[in-house]
Structures are given as structure tokens and as C-alpha cells.
Amino acid sequence: MTRIGYTRTAIADIKTARAYYRDINEGLGDYFRRSLLADIARLRVTAGVHRKAHRHYHRALCRDFPYGIFYTLDKGEVVIWAVIDLRCDPEWIQKHIGC
């Protein structure tokens, strides 16, 4: 089974997004987290099929929210580098993931 790891940046991104949605509506932050984790879990099967959005980062799209999961795949391990609201300025996104 493919191992999934997270960078500190990705964990912070998830916490920030969850708080944002929690502030909009009670329960929405928890729904965001569950939905996102399901999307990430699917990477165990689908990792590598997503287009490379920036340099060596693949980008998987979240099903229920306008977020992209930026990850790399190396020797059977998926590393989540960032989870970003895709409505952000593209230049900010590139800076955030270090491009």
C-alpha cells in the first residue's frame, strides 16, 4: 500500500482551510476535513495520474471544495506538500509551493 506523508506546510494549510469553513457555518469545517482526507486517501490508488501543475508537483483536485492537493510521488510514497484554495492568485500559489 502506498504511504502518504505530509509536510508542515500542508498540515498548516489544512488547519487554516478547516478554520475558514468552520467560521462560515458550524459543521462545515469538519465536513471539509473529512472530504479532503477522503480525496487524499484516493491518492493511494491514483497518485501519479494527475498532471504536473508546477515543476515536479502533481495537483489533484478536491471533489467538494475548490482546493488543489499538491503532491510528489517517489518510490511508492506520496508526499503532500500543500493544500491550496485554487481561487488564490496563481503567483501566490507558486510562491507558496516554492516554485
Protein backbone atom coordinates (compact mmCIF):
# COMPACT_ATOMS: atom_id res chain seq x y z
CA MET A 1 0.00 0.00 0.00
CA THR A 2 1.21 3.49 -0.84
CA ARG A 3 2.37 5.51 2.14
CA ILE A 4 1.16 9.12 2.47
CA GLY A 5 3.20 11.78 4.25
CA TYR A 6 2.53 15.44 4.95
CA THR A 7 4.81 18.44 5.18
CA ARG A 8 4.31 21.01 7.91
CA THR A 9 3.10 23.43 5.27
CA ALA A 10 0.39 21.01 4.14
CA ILE A 11 -0.78 20.43 7.70
CA ALA A 12 -0.95 24.19 8.29
CA ASP A 13 -2.87 24.64 5.03
CA ILE A 14 -5.44 22.04 6.09
CA LYS A 15 -5.88 23.61 9.53
CA THR A 16 -6.30 27.09 8.03
CA ALA A 17 -8.87 25.93 5.50
CA ARG A 18 -10.79 23.96 8.10
CA ALA A 19 -10.95 27.02 10.38
CA TYR A 20 -12.12 29.16 7.45
CA TYR A 21 -15.01 26.83 6.69
CA ARG A 22 -15.82 26.34 10.38
CA ASP A 23 -16.24 30.12 10.69
CA ILE A 24 -18.66 30.16 7.74
CA ASN A 25 -21.00 27.50 9.10
CA GLU A 26 -20.98 25.17 12.07
CA GLY A 27 -20.02 21.68 10.93
CA LEU A 28 -18.68 22.83 7.56
CA GLY A 29 -15.06 22.76 8.78
CA ASP A 30 -15.42 19.13 9.84
CA TYR A 31 -17.07 18.27 6.53
CA PHE A 32 -14.18 19.96 4.69
CA ARG A 33 -11.64 17.91 6.64
CA ARG A 34 -13.43 14.59 6.07
CA SER A 35 -13.89 15.33 2.38
CA LEU A 36 -10.26 16.38 1.93
CA LEU A 37 -8.93 13.33 3.76
CA ALA A 38 -11.05 11.10 1.51
CA ASP A 39 -9.55 12.83 -1.54
CA ILE A 40 -6.06 12.32 -0.14
CA ALA A 41 -6.78 8.66 0.64
CA ARG A 42 -7.72 8.14 -3.03
CA LEU A 43 -4.13 9.09 -3.88
CA ARG A 44 -3.10 5.64 -2.64
CA VAL A 45 -4.58 4.37 -5.90
CA THR A 46 -4.45 7.37 -8.24
CA ALA A 47 -1.12 9.03 -7.37
CA GLY A 48 0.86 9.95 -10.43
CA VAL A 49 -2.06 10.19 -12.85
CA HIS A 50 -2.66 13.87 -12.16
CA ARG A 51 -0.99 16.46 -14.34
CA LYS A 52 2.09 18.23 -13.11
CA ALA A 53 0.90 21.71 -12.26
CA HIS A 54 4.20 23.22 -11.16
CA ARG A 55 7.66 21.74 -11.71
CA HIS A 56 7.57 18.31 -10.10
CA TYR A 57 4.30 18.77 -8.16
CA HIS A 58 1.24 16.86 -9.26
CA ARG A 59 -2.10 18.50 -8.49
CA ALA A 60 -5.18 16.52 -7.55
CA LEU A 61 -8.45 18.40 -7.33
CA CYS A 62 -10.72 18.10 -4.32
CA ARG A 63 -14.18 16.83 -5.17
CA ASP A 64 -16.28 19.07 -2.93
CA PHE A 65 -14.21 22.22 -2.44
CA PRO A 66 -12.15 24.48 -4.75
CA TYR A 67 -8.84 23.16 -3.44
CA GLY A 68 -5.85 21.53 -5.04
CA ILE A 69 -3.68 18.92 -3.36
CA PHE A 70 -0.08 19.42 -4.46
CA TYR A 71 1.99 16.28 -4.04
CA THR A 72 5.00 14.35 -5.25
CA LEU A 73 5.37 10.63 -5.76
CA ASP A 74 8.71 8.98 -5.08
CA LYS A 75 9.42 5.29 -4.60
CA GLY A 76 5.83 4.49 -3.71
CA GLU A 77 5.43 7.33 -1.23
CA VAL A 78 3.05 10.23 -1.76
CA VAL A 79 4.15 13.43 -0.06
CA ILE A 80 1.52 16.15 0.31
CA TRP A 81 3.33 19.50 0.02
CA ALA A 82 0.40 21.91 0.06
CA VAL A 83 -3.38 22.09 0.06
CA ILE A 84 -4.37 25.34 -1.60
CA ASP A 85 -7.55 27.24 -2.38
CA LEU A 86 -7.36 27.43 -6.16
CA ARG A 87 -9.17 30.77 -6.17
CA CYS A 88 -5.93 32.36 -4.93
CA ASP A 89 -3.68 34.38 -7.19
CA PRO A 90 -1.57 31.96 -9.30
CA GLU A 91 1.61 33.84 -8.41
CA TRP A 92 0.84 33.39 -4.70
CA ILE A 93 0.26 29.68 -5.28
CA GLN A 94 3.64 29.33 -6.99
CA LYS A 95 5.37 31.15 -4.13
CA HIS A 96 3.54 29.05 -1.55
CA ILE A 97 4.73 25.77 -3.03
CA GLY A 98 8.21 27.11 -3.64
CA CYS A 99 8.28 27.49 -7.42
